[in-house]
Amino acid sequence: MKSNEIVKEQLLHILFGAVFFAVIGVIAVALDLASIYVGTLGVSSFTKSAIEYTAHIMLSVDLVLFLVYLAISSKQLVKEMTK
């Protein structure tokens, strides 16, 4: 019974982590859309590009960290399930 609770806790941990990374991804996409809007306001191309590159870097880092998080969490889950 204790093992089932640990597995449920691990799965819940993975779910909340996935939601957290999804929120960060949505923020990065919103920032990319904001760069398009800022471009229509007539700001310099440097400002528009800086916002755009920030969004791309933010999303790339988010995806890499999400994959690392999933790998580590999955490894811990399998370890708990095979005890």
Protein backbone atom coordinates (compact mmCIF):
# COMPACT_ATOMS: atom_id res chain seq x y z
CA MET A 1 0.00 0.00 0.00
CA LYS A 2 2.83 2.38 0.82
CA SER A 3 4.34 1.76 -2.62
CA ASN A 4 1.11 2.80 -4.35
CA GLU A 5 1.07 6.07 -2.45
CA ILE A 6 4.65 6.80 -3.44
CA VAL A 7 3.87 6.07 -7.11
CA LYS A 8 0.80 8.34 -6.99
CA GLU A 9 2.89 11.06 -5.37
CA GLN A 10 5.56 10.74 -8.07
CA LEU A 11 2.95 10.87 -10.86
CA LEU A 12 1.38 13.95 -9.30
CA HIS A 13 4.83 15.53 -9.05
CA ILE A 14 5.40 14.87 -12.76
CA LEU A 15 1.98 16.33 -13.63
CA PHE A 16 2.58 19.56 -11.69
CA GLY A 17 6.05 19.86 -13.18
CA ALA A 18 4.64 19.45 -16.68
CA VAL A 19 2.03 22.15 -15.99
CA PHE A 20 4.77 24.47 -14.71
CA PHE A 21 6.87 23.98 -17.85
CA ALA A 22 3.77 24.41 -20.05
CA VAL A 23 3.05 27.78 -18.40
CA ILE A 24 6.62 28.93 -19.05
CA GLY A 25 6.24 27.78 -22.67
CA VAL A 26 3.01 29.73 -23.06
CA ILE A 27 4.75 32.83 -21.68
CA ALA A 28 7.53 32.39 -24.26
CA VAL A 29 5.00 32.09 -27.08
CA ALA A 30 3.16 35.17 -25.80
CA LEU A 31 6.46 37.05 -25.78
CA ASP A 32 7.05 36.02 -29.39
CA LEU A 33 3.58 37.29 -30.32
CA ALA A 34 4.33 40.49 -28.43
CA SER A 35 7.43 40.99 -30.55
CA ILE A 36 5.24 40.90 -33.66
CA TYR A 37 2.93 43.51 -32.13
CA VAL A 38 5.87 45.68 -31.07
CA GLY A 39 7.09 45.55 -34.66
CA THR A 40 3.85 47.16 -35.83
CA LEU A 41 4.38 50.06 -33.42
CA GLY A 42 7.38 51.27 -35.36
CA VAL A 43 10.10 50.54 -32.80
CA SER A 44 13.62 49.84 -33.96
CA SER A 45 14.37 46.47 -35.50
CA PHE A 46 16.91 45.87 -32.71
CA THR A 47 14.19 46.09 -30.05
CA LYS A 48 11.87 43.79 -31.98
CA SER A 49 14.69 41.31 -32.60
CA ALA A 50 15.79 41.40 -28.97
CA ILE A 51 12.28 40.50 -27.79
CA GLU A 52 11.99 37.83 -30.47
CA TYR A 53 15.35 36.22 -29.63
CA THR A 54 14.54 36.33 -25.93
CA ALA A 55 11.32 34.43 -26.61
CA HIS A 56 13.16 31.84 -28.73
CA ILE A 57 15.88 31.33 -26.14
CA MET A 58 13.32 31.13 -23.35
CA LEU A 59 11.32 28.46 -25.19
CA SER A 60 14.45 26.48 -26.11
CA VAL A 61 15.75 26.46 -22.54
CA ASP A 62 12.26 25.54 -21.29
CA LEU A 63 12.07 22.55 -23.64
CA VAL A 64 15.55 21.28 -22.75
CA LEU A 65 14.90 21.61 -19.01
CA PHE A 66 11.52 19.94 -19.42
CA LEU A 67 13.11 16.94 -21.12
CA VAL A 68 15.74 16.72 -18.35
CA TYR A 69 13.00 16.99 -15.73
CA LEU A 70 10.97 14.23 -17.39
CA ALA A 71 13.99 11.95 -17.66
CA ILE A 72 14.95 12.38 -14.00
CA SER A 73 11.36 12.10 -12.76
CA SER A 74 10.70 9.03 -14.89
CA LYS A 75 13.87 7.39 -13.63
CA GLN A 76 12.77 8.04 -10.03
CA LEU A 77 9.27 6.71 -10.79
CA VAL A 78 10.62 3.49 -12.29
CA LYS A 79 12.96 3.11 -9.34
CA GLU A 80 10.03 3.44 -6.91
CA MET A 81 7.87 1.03 -8.92
CA THR A 82 10.53 -1.68 -8.99
CA LYS A 83 11.22 -1.60 -5.25
